[in-house]
N, C-alpha and C. Protein backbone atom coordinates (compact mmCIF):
# COMPACT_ATOMS: atom_id res chain seq x y z
N MET A 1 -5.87 -30.92 -33.04
CA MET A 1 -5.41 -31.77 -34.11
C MET A 1 -5.24 -33.18 -33.54
N ASP A 2 -5.72 -34.17 -34.28
CA ASP A 2 -5.61 -35.52 -33.76
C ASP A 2 -4.19 -36.07 -33.92
N GLU A 3 -3.91 -37.12 -33.19
CA GLU A 3 -2.55 -37.68 -33.12
C GLU A 3 -2.09 -38.23 -34.47
N GLN A 4 -3.00 -38.86 -35.19
CA GLN A 4 -2.63 -39.44 -36.49
C GLN A 4 -2.19 -38.34 -37.46
N LEU A 5 -2.94 -37.26 -37.53
CA LEU A 5 -2.57 -36.16 -38.41
C LEU A 5 -1.25 -35.54 -37.97
N ALA A 6 -1.04 -35.41 -36.68
CA ALA A 6 0.22 -34.85 -36.18
C ALA A 6 1.39 -35.74 -36.58
N ASN A 7 1.23 -37.06 -36.51
CA ASN A 7 2.29 -37.98 -36.93
C ASN A 7 2.56 -37.88 -38.42
N LEU A 8 1.52 -37.75 -39.21
CA LEU A 8 1.70 -37.62 -40.66
C LEU A 8 2.37 -36.30 -41.01
N LEU A 9 2.05 -35.25 -40.29
CA LEU A 9 2.71 -33.97 -40.53
C LEU A 9 4.19 -34.03 -40.14
N GLU A 10 4.50 -34.80 -39.12
CA GLU A 10 5.90 -34.98 -38.73
C GLU A 10 6.66 -35.73 -39.84
N ALA A 11 6.04 -36.75 -40.41
CA ALA A 11 6.66 -37.48 -41.52
C ALA A 11 6.83 -36.56 -42.73
N TYR A 12 5.82 -35.71 -42.98
CA TYR A 12 5.92 -34.75 -44.08
C TYR A 12 7.08 -33.79 -43.85
N ALA A 13 7.24 -33.33 -42.62
CA ALA A 13 8.33 -32.39 -42.29
C ALA A 13 9.69 -33.03 -42.54
N LYS A 14 9.84 -34.29 -42.19
CA LYS A 14 11.11 -34.99 -42.44
C LYS A 14 11.34 -35.13 -43.95
N ALA A 15 10.32 -35.55 -44.68
CA ALA A 15 10.45 -35.70 -46.13
C ALA A 15 10.73 -34.35 -46.78
N HIS A 16 10.13 -33.29 -46.26
CA HIS A 16 10.36 -31.95 -46.80
C HIS A 16 11.82 -31.54 -46.60
N GLY A 17 12.36 -31.83 -45.44
CA GLY A 17 13.77 -31.52 -45.18
C GLY A 17 14.70 -32.29 -46.11
N ASP A 18 14.40 -33.57 -46.33
CA ASP A 18 15.21 -34.39 -47.24
C ASP A 18 15.14 -33.84 -48.67
N TYR A 19 13.94 -33.46 -49.11
CA TYR A 19 13.79 -32.91 -50.47
C TYR A 19 14.53 -31.58 -50.59
N THR A 20 14.41 -30.74 -49.60
CA THR A 20 15.07 -29.44 -49.64
C THR A 20 16.58 -29.60 -49.76
N LEU A 21 17.14 -30.52 -48.99
CA LEU A 21 18.58 -30.77 -49.05
C LEU A 21 18.97 -31.37 -50.40
N ALA A 22 18.22 -32.33 -50.89
CA ALA A 22 18.52 -32.95 -52.19
C ALA A 22 18.41 -31.92 -53.31
N ARG A 23 17.44 -31.05 -53.22
CA ARG A 23 17.25 -29.99 -54.23
C ARG A 23 18.45 -29.04 -54.23
N LEU A 24 18.93 -28.69 -53.06
CA LEU A 24 20.10 -27.82 -52.93
C LEU A 24 21.35 -28.49 -53.51
N GLU A 25 21.56 -29.76 -53.17
CA GLU A 25 22.72 -30.49 -53.71
C GLU A 25 22.65 -30.58 -55.22
N TYR A 26 21.46 -30.85 -55.75
CA TYR A 26 21.29 -30.93 -57.20
C TYR A 26 21.61 -29.58 -57.85
N ALA A 27 21.10 -28.51 -57.28
CA ALA A 27 21.33 -27.18 -57.83
C ALA A 27 22.80 -26.79 -57.76
N MET A 28 23.48 -27.17 -56.70
CA MET A 28 24.90 -26.84 -56.57
C MET A 28 25.73 -27.62 -57.59
N TYR A 29 25.40 -28.88 -57.80
CA TYR A 29 26.16 -29.72 -58.73
C TYR A 29 25.85 -29.37 -60.18
N HIS A 30 24.60 -29.06 -60.47
CA HIS A 30 24.15 -28.73 -61.83
C HIS A 30 23.83 -27.25 -61.89
N GLY A 31 24.82 -26.42 -61.72
CA GLY A 31 24.61 -24.98 -61.65
C GLY A 31 23.90 -24.39 -62.86
N ALA A 32 24.12 -24.95 -64.04
CA ALA A 32 23.52 -24.41 -65.26
C ALA A 32 22.07 -24.86 -65.44
N LYS A 33 21.70 -25.96 -64.79
CA LYS A 33 20.34 -26.48 -64.93
C LYS A 33 19.44 -25.88 -63.86
N LYS A 34 18.21 -25.72 -64.23
CA LYS A 34 17.23 -25.21 -63.27
C LYS A 34 16.77 -26.35 -62.37
N ALA A 35 16.82 -26.11 -61.08
CA ALA A 35 16.36 -27.11 -60.10
C ALA A 35 14.84 -27.13 -60.08
N PRO A 36 14.25 -28.25 -59.69
CA PRO A 36 12.80 -28.28 -59.54
C PRO A 36 12.35 -27.23 -58.54
N PRO A 37 11.11 -26.79 -58.64
CA PRO A 37 10.64 -25.74 -57.74
C PRO A 37 10.62 -26.18 -56.27
N ALA A 38 10.70 -25.19 -55.42
CA ALA A 38 10.60 -25.45 -53.99
C ALA A 38 9.17 -25.83 -53.65
N VAL A 39 9.03 -26.55 -52.56
CA VAL A 39 7.72 -26.94 -52.05
C VAL A 39 7.64 -26.41 -50.62
N SER A 40 6.54 -25.80 -50.29
CA SER A 40 6.37 -25.21 -48.96
C SER A 40 6.36 -26.26 -47.86
N ALA A 41 6.83 -25.84 -46.73
CA ALA A 41 6.75 -26.68 -45.53
C ALA A 41 5.33 -26.57 -44.97
N ALA A 42 4.95 -27.55 -44.19
CA ALA A 42 3.65 -27.49 -43.51
C ALA A 42 3.86 -26.67 -42.25
N ASP A 43 3.26 -25.52 -42.22
CA ASP A 43 3.41 -24.65 -41.05
C ASP A 43 2.75 -25.26 -39.83
N ASP A 44 3.18 -24.80 -38.68
CA ASP A 44 2.54 -25.23 -37.43
C ASP A 44 1.23 -24.45 -37.27
N ALA A 45 0.33 -24.73 -38.15
CA ALA A 45 -0.94 -24.01 -38.17
C ALA A 45 -2.04 -24.92 -37.62
N PRO A 46 -3.10 -24.32 -37.14
CA PRO A 46 -4.24 -25.14 -36.73
C PRO A 46 -4.80 -25.90 -37.94
N GLU A 47 -5.53 -26.94 -37.67
CA GLU A 47 -6.02 -27.81 -38.73
C GLU A 47 -6.83 -27.05 -39.79
N ALA A 48 -7.63 -26.10 -39.38
CA ALA A 48 -8.44 -25.34 -40.34
C ALA A 48 -7.55 -24.57 -41.32
N ALA A 49 -6.48 -23.95 -40.82
CA ALA A 49 -5.56 -23.21 -41.68
C ALA A 49 -4.77 -24.17 -42.57
N LEU A 50 -4.47 -25.34 -42.04
CA LEU A 50 -3.75 -26.35 -42.81
C LEU A 50 -4.57 -26.80 -44.01
N ARG A 51 -5.86 -26.94 -43.82
CA ARG A 51 -6.75 -27.32 -44.93
C ARG A 51 -6.68 -26.29 -46.06
N VAL A 52 -6.59 -25.03 -45.70
CA VAL A 52 -6.55 -23.97 -46.71
C VAL A 52 -5.24 -23.99 -47.49
N CYS A 53 -4.13 -24.18 -46.80
CA CYS A 53 -2.84 -24.10 -47.48
C CYS A 53 -2.43 -25.42 -48.14
N TRP A 54 -3.09 -26.53 -47.82
CA TRP A 54 -2.65 -27.81 -48.36
C TRP A 54 -2.83 -27.90 -49.87
N SER A 55 -3.85 -27.29 -50.41
CA SER A 55 -4.04 -27.30 -51.87
C SER A 55 -2.87 -26.61 -52.57
N ARG A 56 -2.37 -25.55 -51.97
CA ARG A 56 -1.21 -24.84 -52.53
C ARG A 56 0.03 -25.75 -52.51
N ILE A 57 0.22 -26.46 -51.41
CA ILE A 57 1.34 -27.39 -51.30
C ILE A 57 1.23 -28.48 -52.36
N GLU A 58 0.03 -29.00 -52.55
CA GLU A 58 -0.17 -30.04 -53.56
C GLU A 58 0.10 -29.52 -54.97
N ALA A 59 -0.25 -28.29 -55.26
CA ALA A 59 0.04 -27.70 -56.56
C ALA A 59 1.55 -27.55 -56.77
N GLN A 60 2.26 -27.15 -55.71
CA GLN A 60 3.71 -27.04 -55.79
C GLN A 60 4.34 -28.41 -56.04
N LEU A 61 3.82 -29.42 -55.38
CA LEU A 61 4.32 -30.79 -55.58
C LEU A 61 4.09 -31.25 -57.01
N ASP A 62 2.92 -30.96 -57.56
CA ASP A 62 2.63 -31.33 -58.95
C ASP A 62 3.63 -30.68 -59.91
N ALA A 63 3.95 -29.41 -59.67
CA ALA A 63 4.92 -28.71 -60.52
C ALA A 63 6.30 -29.34 -60.39
N ALA A 64 6.70 -29.67 -59.17
CA ALA A 64 8.02 -30.29 -58.94
C ALA A 64 8.08 -31.68 -59.58
N LEU A 65 7.01 -32.45 -59.47
CA LEU A 65 6.97 -33.78 -60.08
C LEU A 65 7.05 -33.67 -61.61
N GLY A 66 6.38 -32.68 -62.18
CA GLY A 66 6.47 -32.47 -63.63
C GLY A 66 7.88 -32.13 -64.07
N CYS A 67 8.55 -31.33 -63.27
CA CYS A 67 9.94 -30.96 -63.55
C CYS A 67 10.84 -32.19 -63.49
N ILE A 68 10.63 -33.03 -62.50
CA ILE A 68 11.42 -34.26 -62.35
C ILE A 68 11.21 -35.17 -63.56
N LEU A 69 9.98 -35.28 -64.03
CA LEU A 69 9.71 -36.11 -65.21
C LEU A 69 10.45 -35.59 -66.43
N ALA A 70 10.48 -34.28 -66.61
CA ALA A 70 11.19 -33.69 -67.74
C ALA A 70 12.70 -33.95 -67.64
N ILE A 71 13.25 -33.81 -66.45
CA ILE A 71 14.68 -34.09 -66.25
C ILE A 71 14.96 -35.56 -66.52
N GLU A 72 14.08 -36.42 -66.07
CA GLU A 72 14.24 -37.87 -66.27
C GLU A 72 14.25 -38.23 -67.76
N ARG A 73 13.35 -37.63 -68.52
CA ARG A 73 13.33 -37.89 -69.97
C ARG A 73 14.66 -37.47 -70.61
N ASP A 74 15.15 -36.29 -70.24
CA ASP A 74 16.42 -35.80 -70.77
C ASP A 74 17.57 -36.69 -70.33
N ARG A 75 17.53 -37.12 -69.10
CA ARG A 75 18.59 -37.97 -68.56
C ARG A 75 18.64 -39.33 -69.27
N ARG A 76 17.48 -39.89 -69.60
CA ARG A 76 17.42 -41.18 -70.31
C ARG A 76 18.04 -41.06 -71.70
N ARG A 77 17.81 -39.94 -72.36
CA ARG A 77 18.39 -39.75 -73.69
C ARG A 77 19.91 -39.75 -73.65
N ARG A 78 20.45 -39.17 -72.59
CA ARG A 78 21.91 -39.07 -72.48
C ARG A 78 22.54 -40.29 -71.80
N ARG A 79 21.70 -41.06 -71.13
CA ARG A 79 22.16 -42.26 -70.42
C ARG A 79 23.29 -41.96 -69.45
N LYS A 80 23.18 -40.84 -68.80
CA LYS A 80 24.18 -40.43 -67.82
C LYS A 80 23.66 -40.73 -66.41
N PRO A 81 24.38 -41.56 -65.67
CA PRO A 81 23.95 -41.77 -64.28
C PRO A 81 24.25 -40.52 -63.45
N ASP A 82 23.36 -40.21 -62.56
CA ASP A 82 23.52 -39.02 -61.74
C ASP A 82 22.93 -39.31 -60.36
N ALA A 83 23.80 -39.57 -59.40
CA ALA A 83 23.35 -39.92 -58.04
C ALA A 83 22.56 -38.79 -57.41
N ARG A 84 22.90 -37.55 -57.72
CA ARG A 84 22.17 -36.42 -57.13
C ARG A 84 20.73 -36.37 -57.64
N PHE A 85 20.55 -36.66 -58.93
CA PHE A 85 19.19 -36.68 -59.46
C PHE A 85 18.39 -37.82 -58.84
N VAL A 86 19.01 -38.97 -58.71
CA VAL A 86 18.31 -40.12 -58.13
C VAL A 86 17.85 -39.78 -56.72
N ARG A 87 18.71 -39.15 -55.94
CA ARG A 87 18.33 -38.75 -54.57
C ARG A 87 17.22 -37.71 -54.59
N LEU A 88 17.32 -36.75 -55.50
CA LEU A 88 16.30 -35.71 -55.63
C LEU A 88 14.95 -36.33 -55.98
N ALA A 89 14.94 -37.21 -56.97
CA ALA A 89 13.68 -37.83 -57.40
C ALA A 89 13.07 -38.69 -56.29
N SER A 90 13.90 -39.47 -55.61
CA SER A 90 13.34 -40.33 -54.56
C SER A 90 12.85 -39.52 -53.37
N SER A 91 13.54 -38.43 -53.04
CA SER A 91 13.07 -37.59 -51.93
C SER A 91 11.77 -36.88 -52.29
N LEU A 92 11.62 -36.49 -53.54
CA LEU A 92 10.37 -35.86 -53.98
C LEU A 92 9.22 -36.86 -53.96
N LYS A 93 9.49 -38.08 -54.37
CA LYS A 93 8.44 -39.11 -54.35
C LYS A 93 8.00 -39.39 -52.90
N GLU A 94 8.94 -39.40 -51.98
CA GLU A 94 8.59 -39.60 -50.57
C GLU A 94 7.78 -38.41 -50.04
N LEU A 95 8.16 -37.21 -50.45
CA LEU A 95 7.41 -36.03 -50.05
C LEU A 95 5.99 -36.09 -50.60
N ASP A 96 5.84 -36.56 -51.83
CA ASP A 96 4.52 -36.71 -52.43
C ASP A 96 3.69 -37.75 -51.68
N ARG A 97 4.31 -38.87 -51.31
CA ARG A 97 3.58 -39.89 -50.53
C ARG A 97 3.12 -39.32 -49.19
N SER A 98 4.01 -38.58 -48.54
CA SER A 98 3.65 -37.97 -47.25
C SER A 98 2.51 -36.98 -47.42
N SER A 99 2.57 -36.21 -48.49
CA SER A 99 1.52 -35.23 -48.76
C SER A 99 0.17 -35.91 -48.98
N ARG A 100 0.19 -37.01 -49.71
CA ARG A 100 -1.06 -37.74 -49.96
C ARG A 100 -1.63 -38.32 -48.67
N ALA A 101 -0.76 -38.76 -47.78
CA ALA A 101 -1.22 -39.28 -46.49
C ALA A 101 -1.84 -38.17 -45.65
N VAL A 102 -1.23 -37.00 -45.68
CA VAL A 102 -1.80 -35.86 -44.94
C VAL A 102 -3.16 -35.50 -45.54
N ARG A 103 -3.26 -35.46 -46.87
CA ARG A 103 -4.54 -35.15 -47.52
C ARG A 103 -5.59 -36.16 -47.09
N TRP A 104 -5.22 -37.44 -47.05
CA TRP A 104 -6.16 -38.48 -46.62
C TRP A 104 -6.63 -38.19 -45.20
N ALA A 105 -5.70 -37.88 -44.30
CA ALA A 105 -6.08 -37.61 -42.90
C ALA A 105 -6.96 -36.38 -42.80
N LEU A 106 -6.66 -35.35 -43.58
CA LEU A 106 -7.50 -34.15 -43.58
C LEU A 106 -8.91 -34.48 -44.07
N THR A 107 -8.99 -35.31 -45.09
CA THR A 107 -10.30 -35.68 -45.64
C THR A 107 -11.09 -36.51 -44.63
N ILE A 108 -10.42 -37.45 -43.99
CA ILE A 108 -11.08 -38.30 -43.00
C ILE A 108 -11.58 -37.45 -41.82
N SER A 109 -10.71 -36.58 -41.33
CA SER A 109 -11.12 -35.77 -40.17
C SER A 109 -12.22 -34.79 -40.56
N GLU A 110 -12.22 -34.32 -41.80
CA GLU A 110 -13.27 -33.42 -42.27
C GLU A 110 -14.60 -34.14 -42.32
N SER A 111 -14.59 -35.40 -42.73
CA SER A 111 -15.85 -36.15 -42.81
C SER A 111 -16.40 -36.43 -41.41
N HIS A 112 -15.54 -36.50 -40.40
CA HIS A 112 -16.01 -36.69 -39.03
C HIS A 112 -16.73 -35.43 -38.50
N TYR A 113 -16.28 -34.27 -39.00
CA TYR A 113 -16.92 -33.03 -38.58
C TYR A 113 -18.31 -32.88 -39.19
N ASP A 114 -18.51 -33.52 -40.36
CA ASP A 114 -19.78 -33.39 -41.06
C ASP A 114 -20.89 -34.25 -40.44
N ILE A 115 -20.50 -35.20 -39.61
CA ILE A 115 -21.49 -36.13 -39.04
C ILE A 115 -22.30 -35.44 -37.96
């Protein structure tokens, strides 16, 4: 695995930890509300295995982002500030950015193999 991809996976792991904690805090504070779905961590897998599981991670992220949008719409109607939601949404957005960077690195490294 190249160094750039390893660095991006490290950033993804940090963002994943932040999202997991924010999701837990949100669920504990809003016990009656359903928390956004969990998103898998990037396993310490070889690059080939990472390519296979990354599509699953991206699908989980899409579901979590959809859930956040639904909560945001409901929150706007009520005009209730909620620091836990703000933290949850920002951590998910950072996780999504990290995921996109990893996808970019996987795509770039895949194109190098095709040459």
